[in-house]
C-alpha atoms as a PDB file:
ATOM      1  CA  MET A   1      17.068 -17.947   3.806  1.00  0.00           C
ATOM      2  CA  ILE A   2      16.099 -21.459   2.731  1.00  0.00           C
ATOM      3  CA  THR A   3      16.147 -21.980  -1.023  1.00  0.00           C
ATOM      4  CA  PHE A   4      15.658 -25.188  -2.987  1.00  0.00           C
ATOM      5  CA  PHE A   5      16.811 -23.707  -6.285  1.00  0.00           C
ATOM      6  CA  LYS A   6      20.197 -24.548  -7.736  1.00  0.00           C
ATOM      7  CA  LYS A   7      22.604 -21.627  -7.572  1.00  0.00           C
ATOM      8  CA  LYS A   8      25.188 -20.947 -10.257  1.00  0.00           C
ATOM      9  CA  GLY A   9      28.436 -19.100  -9.743  1.00  0.00           C
ATOM     10  CA  PRO A  10      30.489 -17.665  -8.217  1.00  0.00           C
ATOM     11  CA  PHE A  11      30.816 -14.856 -10.763  1.00  0.00           C
ATOM     12  CA  ASP A  12      33.307 -12.060 -11.196  1.00  0.00           C
ATOM     13  CA  ILE A  13      31.828  -8.735 -10.093  1.00  0.00           C
ATOM     14  CA  ASN A  14      32.722  -7.058 -13.382  1.00  0.00           C
ATOM     15  CA  TYR A  15      30.912  -9.759 -15.339  1.00  0.00           C
ATOM     16  CA  LEU A  16      27.799  -9.205 -13.232  1.00  0.00           C
ATOM     17  CA  ILE A  17      27.963  -5.462 -13.807  1.00  0.00           C
ATOM     18  CA  LYS A  18      27.979  -6.119 -17.560  1.00  0.00           C
ATOM     19  CA  CYS A  19      24.719  -8.073 -17.095  1.00  0.00           C
ATOM     20  CA  THR A  20      22.951  -4.990 -15.718  1.00  0.00           C
ATOM     21  CA  LYS A  21      21.100  -2.239 -17.545  1.00  0.00           C
ATOM     22  CA  PHE A  22      21.330   0.837 -15.323  1.00  0.00           C
ATOM     23  CA  THR A  23      24.675   0.490 -13.567  1.00  0.00           C
ATOM     24  CA  LYS A  24      27.213   3.268 -14.009  1.00  0.00           C
ATOM     25  CA  PRO A  25      30.297   2.052 -15.945  1.00  0.00           C
ATOM     26  CA  GLN A  26      33.007   1.250 -13.434  1.00  0.00           C
ATOM     27  CA  LYS A  27      35.975  -1.054 -13.163  1.00  0.00           C
ATOM     28  CA  ILE A  28      36.288  -2.934  -9.896  1.00  0.00           C
ATOM     29  CA  LYS A  29      39.224  -5.011  -8.775  1.00  0.00           C
ATOM     30  CA  ASN A  30      38.528  -8.625  -9.648  1.00  0.00           C
ATOM     31  CA  ALA A  31      36.469 -10.288  -6.937  1.00  0.00           C
ATOM     32  CA  LYS A  32      34.107 -13.248  -6.820  1.00  0.00           C
ATOM     33  CA  ILE A  33      30.470 -12.826  -5.821  1.00  0.00           C
ATOM     34  CA  PHE A  34      29.062 -16.031  -4.364  1.00  0.00           C
ATOM     35  CA  ASN A  35      25.396 -15.106  -4.009  1.00  0.00           C
ATOM     36  CA  ILE A  36      22.735 -12.400  -4.009  1.00  0.00           C
ATOM     37  CA  CYS A  37      20.606 -11.699  -0.955  1.00  0.00           C
ATOM     38  CA  SER A  38      18.378  -9.164   0.789  1.00  0.00           C
ATOM     39  CA  LEU A  39      19.848  -6.360   2.900  1.00  0.00           C
ATOM     40  CA  GLU A  40      19.182  -8.028   6.237  1.00  0.00           C
ATOM     41  CA  ASN A  41      20.431 -11.490   5.251  1.00  0.00           C
ATOM     42  CA  ALA A  42      23.385 -10.755   2.962  1.00  0.00           C
ATOM     43  CA  LYS A  43      26.835 -11.920   4.073  1.00  0.00           C
ATOM     44  CA  LYS A  44      30.453 -11.437   3.079  1.00  0.00           C
ATOM     45  CA  ASN A  45      31.122 -11.931  -0.650  1.00  0.00           C
ATOM     46  CA  GLU A  46      27.418 -11.426  -1.431  1.00  0.00           C
ATOM     47  CA  LEU A  47      25.603  -8.692  -3.361  1.00  0.00           C
ATOM     48  CA  THR A  48      22.495  -6.809  -2.246  1.00  0.00           C
ATOM     49  CA  PHE A  49      20.603  -3.653  -3.253  1.00  0.00           C
ATOM     50  CA  PHE A  50      19.163  -0.505  -1.634  1.00  0.00           C
ATOM     51  CA  ASP A  51      16.574   1.820  -3.152  1.00  0.00           C
ATOM     52  CA  GLN A  52      14.241   2.988  -0.353  1.00  0.00           C
ATOM     53  CA  ILE A  53      15.204   5.331   2.487  1.00  0.00           C
ATOM     54  CA  LYS A  54      12.971   3.518   4.979  1.00  0.00           C
ATOM     55  CA  TYR A  55      15.440   0.609   4.891  1.00  0.00           C
ATOM     56  CA  LEU A  56      18.430   2.791   5.796  1.00  0.00           C
ATOM     57  CA  ASP A  57      18.903   1.305   9.274  1.00  0.00           C
ATOM     58  CA  ILE A  58      18.969  -2.194   7.770  1.00  0.00           C
ATOM     59  CA  LEU A  59      21.446  -1.023   5.126  1.00  0.00           C
ATOM     60  CA  LYS A  60      23.840   0.368   7.753  1.00  0.00           C
ATOM     61  CA  ASN A  61      23.930  -3.025   9.468  1.00  0.00           C
ATOM     62  CA  SER A  62      24.199  -5.093   6.301  1.00  0.00           C
ATOM     63  CA  LYS A  63      27.102  -7.542   6.093  1.00  0.00           C
ATOM     64  CA  ALA A  64      27.076  -7.626   2.284  1.00  0.00           C
ATOM     65  CA  SER A  65      30.328  -7.001   0.419  1.00  0.00           C
ATOM     66  CA  TYR A  66      28.647  -5.163  -2.484  1.00  0.00           C
ATOM     67  CA  CYS A  67      25.481  -3.091  -2.801  1.00  0.00           C
ATOM     68  CA  LEU A  68      23.637  -1.649  -5.800  1.00  0.00           C
ATOM     69  CA  ILE A  69      22.686   1.886  -4.774  1.00  0.00           C
ATOM     70  CA  ARG A  70      21.632   5.189  -6.309  1.00  0.00           C
ATOM     71  CA  GLU A  71      24.290   7.898  -6.507  1.00  0.00           C
ATOM     72  CA  LYS A  72      22.145  10.309  -4.490  1.00  0.00           C
ATOM     73  CA  HIS A  73      22.189   7.873  -1.562  1.00  0.00           C
ATOM     74  CA  LEU A  74      25.988   7.659  -1.321  1.00  0.00           C
ATOM     75  CA  PRO A  75      26.253  10.333   1.419  1.00  0.00           C
ATOM     76  CA  LEU A  76      24.114   8.076   3.645  1.00  0.00           C
ATOM     77  CA  ILE A  77      26.612   5.210   3.713  1.00  0.00           C
ATOM     78  CA  LYS A  78      29.870   6.804   4.863  1.00  0.00           C
ATOM     79  CA  ASP A  79      30.287   4.302   7.700  1.00  0.00           C
ATOM     80  CA  CYS A  80      29.234   1.204   5.745  1.00  0.00           C
ATOM     81  CA  THR A  81      31.799  -1.468   4.943  1.00  0.00           C
ATOM     82  CA  PHE A  82      30.398  -2.683   1.608  1.00  0.00           C
ATOM     83  CA  LEU A  83      31.526  -1.412  -1.785  1.00  0.00           C
ATOM     84  CA  PRO A  84      28.764   0.628  -3.484  1.00  0.00           C
ATOM     85  CA  ILE A  85      27.898  -0.094  -7.093  1.00  0.00           C
ATOM     86  CA  ILE A  86      26.112   2.931  -8.521  1.00  0.00           C
ATOM     87  CA  SER A  87      22.879   2.183 -10.355  1.00  0.00           C
ATOM     88  CA  GLU A  88      20.015   4.390 -11.530  1.00  0.00           C
ATOM     89  CA  LYS A  89      17.560   1.575 -10.751  1.00  0.00           C
ATOM     90  CA  PRO A  90      19.073  -0.796  -8.175  1.00  0.00           C
ATOM     91  CA  LEU A  91      16.100  -3.167  -7.973  1.00  0.00           C
ATOM     92  CA  LEU A  92      15.935  -3.730 -11.733  1.00  0.00           C
ATOM     93  CA  ASP A  93      19.672  -4.366 -11.926  1.00  0.00           C
ATOM     94  CA  PHE A  94      19.434  -6.689  -8.926  1.00  0.00           C
ATOM     95  CA  ILE A  95      16.712  -8.679 -10.710  1.00  0.00           C
ATOM     96  CA  LEU A  96      18.921  -9.043 -13.784  1.00  0.00           C
ATOM     97  CA  ILE A  97      21.836 -10.252 -11.655  1.00  0.00           C
ATOM     98  CA  SER A  98      19.651 -12.628  -9.664  1.00  0.00           C
ATOM     99  CA  LYS A  99      18.597 -14.310 -12.905  1.00  0.00           C
ATOM    100  CA  VAL A 100      22.270 -15.040 -13.563  1.00  0.00           C
ATOM    101  CA  PHE A 101      22.582 -16.840 -10.220  1.00  0.00           C
ATOM    102  CA  TYR A 102      19.145 -18.507 -10.269  1.00  0.00           C
ATOM    103  CA  PRO A 103      18.011 -18.859 -13.906  1.00  0.00           C
ATOM    104  CA  ASP A 104      15.247 -21.362 -13.037  1.00  0.00           C
ATOM    105  CA  ALA A 105      13.750 -19.625 -10.003  1.00  0.00           C
ATOM    106  CA  ASP A 106      10.759 -18.140 -11.837  1.00  0.00           C
ATOM    107  CA  ASN A 107       9.951 -21.368 -13.669  1.00  0.00           C
ATOM    108  CA  ASP A 108       7.493 -23.640 -11.857  1.00  0.00           C
ATOM    109  CA  PHE A 109       7.411 -26.246 -14.624  1.00  0.00           C
ATOM    110  CA  PHE A 110       9.564 -29.341 -14.204  1.00  0.00           C
ATOM    111  CA  ASP A 111       9.670 -33.064 -14.924  1.00  0.00           C
ATOM    112  CA  PHE A 112       7.443 -34.694 -12.330  1.00  0.00           C
ATOM    113  CA  LYS A 113       8.741 -38.091 -11.215  1.00  0.00           C
ATOM    114  CA  ILE A 114       6.684 -40.222  -8.859  1.00  0.00           C
ATOM    115  CA  ASN A 115       8.124 -41.089  -5.465  1.00  0.00           C
ATOM    116  CA  LYS A 116       7.623 -44.866  -5.551  1.00  0.00           C
ATOM    117  CA  LYS A 117       7.616 -44.960  -1.765  1.00  0.00           C
ATOM    118  CA  PHE A 118       4.235 -43.211  -1.848  1.00  0.00           C
ATOM    119  CA  SER A 119       2.779 -44.896  -4.934  1.00  0.00           C
ATOM    120  CA  LYS A 120      -0.212 -46.064  -2.855  1.00  0.00           C
ATOM    121  CA  TYR A 121      -1.714 -42.568  -3.205  1.00  0.00           C
ATOM    122  CA  ILE A 122      -1.961 -42.833  -7.000  1.00  0.00           C
ATOM    123  CA  LYS A 123      -5.219 -44.754  -6.631  1.00  0.00           C
ATOM    124  CA  GLN A 124      -6.769 -41.592  -5.168  1.00  0.00           C
ATOM    125  CA  ASN A 125      -5.252 -39.496  -7.977  1.00  0.00           C
ATOM    126  CA  THR A 126      -2.725 -37.889  -5.650  1.00  0.00           C
ATOM    127  CA  PHE A 127       0.887 -37.662  -6.834  1.00  0.00           C
ATOM    128  CA  ILE A 128       4.050 -37.058  -4.825  1.00  0.00           C
ATOM    129  CA  ASP A 129       7.335 -36.074  -6.484  1.00  0.00           C
ATOM    130  CA  LYS A 130      10.523 -38.033  -5.815  1.00  0.00           C
ATOM    131  CA  THR A 131      12.117 -34.978  -4.115  1.00  0.00           C
ATOM    132  CA  VAL A 132       9.461 -34.870  -1.361  1.00  0.00           C
ATOM    133  CA  SER A 133      10.285 -36.099   2.140  1.00  0.00           C
ATOM    134  CA  ILE A 134       7.466 -36.960   4.573  1.00  0.00           C
ATOM    135  CA  GLY A 135       7.441 -37.645   8.322  1.00  0.00           C
ATOM    136  CA  LYS A 136       5.332 -40.069  10.344  1.00  0.00           C
ATOM    137  CA  ASN A 137       1.517 -40.323  10.507  1.00  0.00           C
ATOM    138  CA  PHE A 138       0.896 -38.526   7.215  1.00  0.00           C
ATOM    139  CA  GLN A 139      -2.570 -38.151   5.686  1.00  0.00           C
ATOM    140  CA  ILE A 140      -3.628 -36.689   2.337  1.00  0.00           C
ATOM    141  CA  GLY A 141      -6.850 -36.457   0.328  1.00  0.00           C
ATOM    142  CA  PHE A 142      -7.721 -36.894  -3.344  1.00  0.00           C
ATOM    143  CA  ASN A 143      -6.382 -35.075  -6.428  1.00  0.00           C
ATOM    144  CA  SER A 144      -3.500 -33.352  -4.642  1.00  0.00           C
ATOM    145  CA  PHE A 145      -0.009 -32.735  -6.034  1.00  0.00           C
ATOM    146  CA  LEU A 146       3.034 -32.549  -3.792  1.00  0.00           C
ATOM    147  CA  LYS A 147       5.591 -31.155  -6.180  1.00  0.00           C
ATOM    148  CA  LYS A 148       9.307 -30.460  -6.044  1.00  0.00           C
ATOM    149  CA  ASN A 149      11.238 -29.159  -3.048  1.00  0.00           C
ATOM    150  CA  LEU A 150       8.970 -30.123  -0.190  1.00  0.00           C
ATOM    151  CA  LYS A 151       9.795 -31.299   3.338  1.00  0.00           C
ATOM    152  CA  ILE A 152       6.921 -32.438   5.571  1.00  0.00           C
ATOM    153  CA  GLY A 153       7.112 -33.076   9.307  1.00  0.00           C
ATOM    154  CA  ASN A 154       5.192 -35.505  11.505  1.00  0.00           C
ATOM    155  CA  ASN A 155       1.417 -35.751  11.955  1.00  0.00           C
ATOM    156  CA  VAL A 156       0.613 -33.590   8.923  1.00  0.00           C
ATOM    157  CA  LYS A 157      -2.808 -33.673   7.259  1.00  0.00           C
ATOM    158  CA  ILE A 158      -3.297 -32.325   3.726  1.00  0.00           C
ATOM    159  CA  GLY A 159      -6.727 -32.165   2.096  1.00  0.00           C
ATOM    160  CA  SER A 160      -7.895 -32.768  -1.451  1.00  0.00           C
ATOM    161  CA  ASN A 161      -7.091 -30.645  -4.536  1.00  0.00           C
ATOM    162  CA  CYS A 162      -4.013 -29.053  -2.965  1.00  0.00           C
ATOM    163  CA  VAL A 163      -0.816 -28.086  -4.818  1.00  0.00           C
ATOM    164  CA  ILE A 164       2.278 -27.611  -2.655  1.00  0.00           C
ATOM    165  CA  SER A 165       5.952 -27.063  -3.527  1.00  0.00           C
ATOM    166  CA  ASN A 166       9.044 -25.180  -2.287  1.00  0.00           C
ATOM    167  CA  THR A 167       7.874 -25.489   1.306  1.00  0.00           C
ATOM    168  CA  VAL A 168       9.051 -26.718   4.695  1.00  0.00           C
ATOM    169  CA  ILE A 169       6.118 -27.914   6.824  1.00  0.00           C
ATOM    170  CA  GLY A 170       6.492 -28.439  10.556  1.00  0.00           C
ATOM    171  CA  ASP A 171       4.774 -30.971  12.802  1.00  0.00           C
ATOM    172  CA  ASN A 172       1.033 -31.235  13.482  1.00  0.00           C
ATOM    173  CA  VAL A 173       0.084 -29.017  10.535  1.00  0.00           C
ATOM    174  CA  ILE A 174      -3.343 -29.127   8.872  1.00  0.00           C
ATOM    175  CA  ILE A 175      -3.807 -27.869   5.294  1.00  0.00           C
ATOM    176  CA  ASN A 176      -7.372 -27.985   3.994  1.00  0.00           C
ATOM    177  CA  ASP A 177      -8.839 -28.567   0.515  1.00  0.00           C
ATOM    178  CA  GLY A 178      -7.942 -26.440  -2.484  1.00  0.00           C
ATOM    179  CA  THR A 179      -4.953 -24.640  -0.990  1.00  0.00           C
ATOM    180  CA  VAL A 180      -1.902 -23.696  -3.082  1.00  0.00           C
ATOM    181  CA  ILE A 181       1.422 -23.141  -1.332  1.00  0.00           C
ATOM    182  CA  GLY A 182       4.872 -22.306  -2.669  1.00  0.00           C
ATOM    183  CA  LYS A 183       4.139 -20.934  -6.129  1.00  0.00           C
ATOM    184  CA  VAL A 184       5.773 -17.826  -7.574  1.00  0.00           C
ATOM    185  CA  GLY A 185       4.337 -14.580  -6.200  1.00  0.00           C
ATOM    186  CA  TYR A 186       2.974 -11.480  -7.916  1.00  0.00           C
ATOM    187  CA  GLY A 187       6.239  -9.646  -8.504  1.00  0.00           C
ATOM    188  CA  PHE A 188       7.430  -8.295 -11.833  1.00  0.00           C
ATOM    189  CA  LYS A 189       8.968  -5.240 -13.478  1.00  0.00           C
ATOM    190  CA  PHE A 190       8.939  -3.920 -17.025  1.00  0.00           C
ATOM    191  CA  LEU A 191      12.207  -3.249 -18.816  1.00  0.00           C
ATOM    192  CA  ASP A 192      12.244  -2.101 -22.460  1.00  0.00           C
ATOM    193  CA  ASN A 193       8.539  -3.027 -22.683  1.00  0.00           C
ATOM    194  CA  LYS A 194       9.368  -6.569 -21.662  1.00  0.00           C
ATOM    195  CA  ARG A 195       8.000  -8.128 -18.501  1.00  0.00           C
ATOM    196  CA  PHE A 196      10.567  -9.532 -16.081  1.00  0.00           C
ATOM    197  CA  PHE A 197       9.376 -11.673 -13.183  1.00  0.00           C
ATOM    198  CA  ILE A 198      11.287 -11.097  -9.980  1.00  0.00           C
ATOM    199  CA  PRO A 199      12.969 -14.454  -9.262  1.00  0.00           C
ATOM    200  CA  HIS A 200      11.381 -16.194  -6.307  1.00  0.00           C
ATOM    201  CA  ILE A 201      14.325 -18.097  -4.888  1.00  0.00           C
ATOM    202  CA  GLY A 202      12.872 -18.298  -1.366  1.00  0.00           C
ATOM    203  CA  SER A 203      10.559 -20.829   0.246  1.00  0.00           C
ATOM    204  CA  VAL A 204       7.496 -21.049   2.465  1.00  0.00           C
ATOM    205  CA  ILE A 205       8.180 -22.039   6.073  1.00  0.00           C
ATOM    206  CA  LEU A 206       5.213 -23.321   8.106  1.00  0.00           C
ATOM    207  CA  GLY A 207       5.887 -23.793  11.816  1.00  0.00           C
ATOM    208  CA  ASN A 208       4.448 -26.411  14.137  1.00  0.00           C
ATOM    209  CA  ASN A 209       0.711 -26.632  14.829  1.00  0.00           C
ATOM    210  CA  VAL A 210      -0.167 -24.283  11.959  1.00  0.00           C
ATOM    211  CA  TYR A 211      -3.697 -24.519  10.525  1.00  0.00           C
ATOM    212  CA  ILE A 212      -4.394 -23.491   6.915  1.00  0.00           C
ATOM    213  CA  GLY A 213      -8.026 -23.257   5.762  1.00  0.00           C
ATOM    214  CA  SER A 214      -9.512 -24.162   2.387  1.00  0.00           C
ATOM    215  CA  ASN A 215      -8.646 -22.323  -0.827  1.00  0.00           C
ATOM    216  CA  CYS A 216      -5.789 -20.320   0.655  1.00  0.00           C
ATOM    217  CA  THR A 217      -2.792 -19.133  -1.366  1.00  0.00           C
ATOM    218  CA  ILE A 218       0.641 -18.702   0.190  1.00  0.00           C
ATOM    219  CA  ASP A 219       3.372 -17.479  -2.179  1.00  0.00           C
ATOM    220  CA  ARG A 220       6.991 -18.444  -1.699  1.00  0.00           C
ATOM    221  CA  GLY A 221       9.522 -15.706  -0.986  1.00  0.00           C
ATOM    222  CA  SER A 222      11.470 -13.774  -3.559  1.00  0.00           C
ATOM    223  CA  PHE A 223      14.694 -12.778  -1.763  1.00  0.00           C
ATOM    224  CA  ASN A 224      13.483 -13.826   1.705  1.00  0.00           C
ATOM    225  CA  ASN A 225      11.286 -16.667   2.925  1.00  0.00           C
ATOM    226  CA  THR A 226       7.543 -16.452   3.478  1.00  0.00           C
ATOM    227  CA  ILE A 227       7.025 -17.522   7.094  1.00  0.00           C
ATOM    228  CA  ILE A 228       4.027 -18.539   9.217  1.00  0.00           C
ATOM    229  CA  LYS A 229       5.184 -19.375  12.729  1.00  0.00           C
ATOM    230  CA  ASP A 230       3.962 -21.841  15.345  1.00  0.00           C
ATOM    231  CA  ASN A 231       0.294 -22.092  16.348  1.00  0.00           C
ATOM    232  CA  SER A 232      -1.004 -19.551  13.819  1.00  0.00           C
ATOM    233  CA  MET A 233      -4.308 -20.249  12.086  1.00  0.00           C
ATOM    234  CA  LEU A 234      -5.632 -19.102   8.715  1.00  0.00           C
ATOM    235  CA  ASP A 235      -9.323 -19.219   7.814  1.00  0.00           C
ATOM    236  CA  ASN A 236     -10.560 -20.013   4.302  1.00  0.00           C
ATOM    237  CA  GLN A 237      -9.583 -17.907   1.273  1.00  0.00           C
ATOM    238  CA  VAL A 238      -6.650 -16.086   2.845  1.00  0.00           C
ATOM    239  CA  HIS A 239      -3.822 -14.806   0.649  1.00  0.00           C
ATOM    240  CA  ILE A 240      -0.296 -14.479   2.041  1.00  0.00           C
ATOM    241  CA  ALA A 241       2.032 -12.824  -0.495  1.00  0.00           C
ATOM    242  CA  HIS A 242       5.760 -13.311  -1.004  1.00  0.00           C
ATOM    243  CA  ASN A 243       8.190 -12.508   1.841  1.00  0.00           C
ATOM    244  CA  VAL A 244       5.386 -12.023   4.383  1.00  0.00           C
ATOM    245  CA  HIS A 245       6.201 -12.933   7.982  1.00  0.00           C
ATOM    246  CA  VAL A 246       3.318 -14.019  10.238  1.00  0.00           C
ATOM    247  CA  GLY A 247       4.307 -14.539  13.860  1.00  0.00           C
ATOM    248  CA  SER A 248       3.179 -17.115  16.408  1.00  0.00           C
ATOM    249  CA  ASN A 249      -0.365 -17.449  17.737  1.00  0.00           C
ATOM    250  CA  CYS A 250      -1.951 -15.270  15.044  1.00  0.00           C
ATOM    251  CA  PHE A 251      -5.563 -15.770  13.940  1.00  0.00           C
ATOM    252  CA  ILE A 252      -6.447 -14.572  10.447  1.00  0.00           C
ATOM    253  CA  ALA A 253     -10.087 -14.681   9.341  1.00  0.00           C
ATOM    254  CA  GLY A 254     -11.504 -15.378   5.880  1.00  0.00           C
ATOM    255  CA  GLN A 255     -10.639 -13.342   2.772  1.00  0.00           C
ATOM    256  CA  VAL A 256      -7.786 -11.448   4.418  1.00  0.00           C
ATOM    257  CA  GLY A 257      -4.973 -10.377   2.110  1.00  0.00           C
ATOM    258  CA  ILE A 258      -1.474  -9.486   3.278  1.00  0.00           C
ATOM    259  CA  ALA A 259       0.686  -7.872   0.597  1.00  0.00           C
ATOM    260  CA  GLY A 260       4.341  -8.642  -0.047  1.00  0.00           C
ATOM    261  CA  SER A 261       7.166  -8.157   2.457  1.00  0.00           C
ATOM    262  CA  THR A 262       4.915  -7.161   5.350  1.00  0.00           C
ATOM    263  CA  PHE A 263       5.876  -8.250   8.857  1.00  0.00           C
ATOM    264  CA  VAL A 264       3.126  -9.354  11.252  1.00  0.00           C
ATOM    265  CA  GLY A 265       4.252 -10.049  14.811  1.00  0.00           C
ATOM    266  CA  ASP A 266       2.946 -12.462  17.452  1.00  0.00           C
ATOM    267  CA  ASN A 267      -0.561 -12.747  18.917  1.00  0.00           C
ATOM    268  CA  CYS A 268      -2.327 -10.703  16.230  1.00  0.00           C
ATOM    269  CA  LEU A 269      -6.029 -10.998  15.351  1.00  0.00           C
ATOM    270  CA  ILE A 270      -7.088  -9.975  11.837  1.00  0.00           C
ATOM    271  CA  GLY A 271     -10.796  -9.823  10.994  1.00  0.00           C
ATOM    272  CA  GLY A 272     -12.416 -11.049   7.794  1.00  0.00           C
ATOM    273  CA  GLN A 273     -11.835  -9.188   4.515  1.00  0.00           C
ATOM    274  CA  ALA A 274      -9.166  -6.951   6.046  1.00  0.00           C
ATOM    275  CA  GLY A 275      -6.258  -5.948   3.837  1.00  0.00           C
ATOM    276  CA  ILE A 276      -2.702  -5.048   4.827  1.00  0.00           C
ATOM    277  CA  SER A 277      -0.507  -3.159   2.352  1.00  0.00           C
ATOM    278  CA  GLY A 278       3.009  -4.271   1.477  1.00  0.00           C
ATOM    279  CA  HIS A 279       6.308  -3.483   3.207  1.00  0.00           C
ATOM    280  CA  LEU A 280       4.660  -2.644   6.544  1.00  0.00           C
ATOM    281  CA  ARG A 281       5.347  -3.651  10.137  1.00  0.00           C
ATOM    282  CA  VAL A 282       2.351  -4.789  12.160  1.00  0.00           C
ATOM    283  CA  VAL A 283       3.967  -5.814  15.409  1.00  0.00           C
ATOM    284  CA  ASN A 284       2.775  -7.779  18.435  1.00  0.00           C
ATOM    285  CA  ASN A 285      -0.703  -8.074  19.953  1.00  0.00           C
ATOM    286  CA  CYS A 286      -2.460  -6.064  17.240  1.00  0.00           C
ATOM    287  CA  TYR A 287      -6.217  -6.270  16.581  1.00  0.00           C
ATOM    288  CA  ILE A 288      -7.388  -5.395  13.076  1.00  0.00           C
ATOM    289  CA  ALA A 289     -11.159  -5.297  12.621  1.00  0.00           C
ATOM    290  CA  GLY A 290     -12.907  -6.885   9.659  1.00  0.00           C
ATOM    291  CA  CYS A 291     -12.975  -4.961   6.339  1.00  0.00           C
ATOM    292  CA  SER A 292     -10.195  -2.643   7.533  1.00  0.00           C
ATOM    293  CA  GLY A 293      -7.411  -1.415   5.281  1.00  0.00           C
ATOM    294  CA  VAL A 294      -4.014  -1.054   6.950  1.00  0.00           C
ATOM    295  CA  VAL A 295      -1.761   1.325   5.034  1.00  0.00           C
ATOM    296  CA  LYS A 296       0.820   2.275   7.669  1.00  0.00           C
ATOM    297  CA  ASN A 297       2.868   0.586  10.383  1.00  0.00           C
ATOM    298  CA  LEU A 298       1.133  -0.436  13.612  1.00  0.00           C
ATOM    299  CA  GLU A 299       2.766  -0.357  17.036  1.00  0.00           C
ATOM    300  CA  ASP A 300       2.420  -3.062  19.685  1.00  0.00           C
ATOM    301  CA  ASN A 301      -1.083  -3.512  21.125  1.00  0.00           C
ATOM    302  CA  SER A 302      -2.773  -1.432  18.407  1.00  0.00           C
ATOM    303  CA  LYS A 303      -6.515  -1.824  17.862  1.00  0.00           C
ATOM    304  CA  VAL A 304      -7.617  -0.430  14.503  1.00  0.00           C
ATOM    305  CA  MET A 305     -10.663  -0.336  12.281  1.00  0.00           C
ATOM    306  CA  GLY A 306     -11.855   1.259   9.021  1.00  0.00           C
ATOM    307  CA  TYR A 307     -10.224   2.407   5.803  1.00  0.00           C
ATOM    308  CA  PRO A 308      -7.678   3.760   6.116  1.00  0.00           C
ATOM    309  CA  ALA A 309      -7.396   1.942   9.442  1.00  0.00           C
ATOM    310  CA  VAL A 310      -7.339   4.211  12.496  1.00  0.00           C
ATOM    311  CA  SER A 311      -7.458   3.481  16.211  1.00  0.00           C
ATOM    312  CA  LEU A 312     -10.721   1.978  17.400  1.00  0.00           C
ATOM    313  CA  LYS A 313     -11.276   5.037  19.579  1.00  0.00           C
ATOM    314  CA  ASP A 314     -10.870   7.423  16.628  1.00  0.00           C
ATOM    315  CA  PHE A 315     -13.082   5.254  14.431  1.00  0.00           C
ATOM    316  CA  ILE A 316     -15.925   5.417  16.973  1.00  0.00           C
ATOM    317  CA  LYS A 317     -15.561   9.219  17.252  1.00  0.00           C
ATOM    318  CA  ARG A 318     -15.616   9.559  13.465  1.00  0.00           C
ATOM    319  CA  SER A 319     -18.738   7.377  13.232  1.00  0.00           C
ATOM    320  CA  ILE A 320     -20.548   9.460  15.844  1.00  0.00           C
ATOM    321  CA  ASN A 321     -19.730  12.682  13.974  1.00  0.00           C
ATOM    322  CA  ILE A 322     -20.998  11.199  10.713  1.00  0.00           C
ATOM    323  CA  ASP A 323     -24.269  10.174  12.354  1.00  0.00           C
ATOM    324  CA  ARG A 324     -24.808  13.725  13.547  1.00  0.00           C
END
């Protein structure tokens, strides 16, 4: 995972346990935790969490050293190498620990300092922060803000009234007017009647030859990156939520929304105003008709339509029966 946020630590595991709310009291031999990470990306000396059975296969292959987990799930991890830390609510405790490592990750306010190298854009009311790096043949419109933690490749065109931060942009990318990329996503939990935002320590990764329409919103990742791979194209007013993966050569029409942590494979076509629920897998070569609502995983080469989305063949049969 690519993160631009400054990480604190390492921390003693027992100190981190004291920072939680729902972890069962336990004394663990002193050990340093160097980072927090998702199940699939965690490494040795890192902490992760598990609270949904559908991620069991990922859990069994996790390389994390420690894992927050419910007591009822302990029989499922007999062959795992990590040390379980019992918690009634692993995600909430993981959020509290992540705020120890990344206290500024849910704060998008910072001291903006102009990159003098690009001061020529001030005359068009466009401002570029000193942390931004830009490749060759760059173009940008009026009233745009390129904020902290931004790397831009070659031959990139950015329109007017855009706000972009916490993003890596490949070569030959076009981003049209009014688009916002890299802001914190819609993720929060309530604890003791207090709202806690899930820290968004990830980034947005745009591959080469990506096209982003006007007035799109692409949230940065929370504990993974939000990714749009090479040659994919978004129409106007598309929303890509945190941790979403969009594969190569995908075409997404206007007003589509893809909820958090959903995986979309390569060569997918998504019609206008379609919605895809969170934490799903829509794999390769899928066709989703306009105004459809996808609420379950789709296999390769699926063609679906309607709400809830069903195979095109079943949708036509259902329509014929209704007409009768």
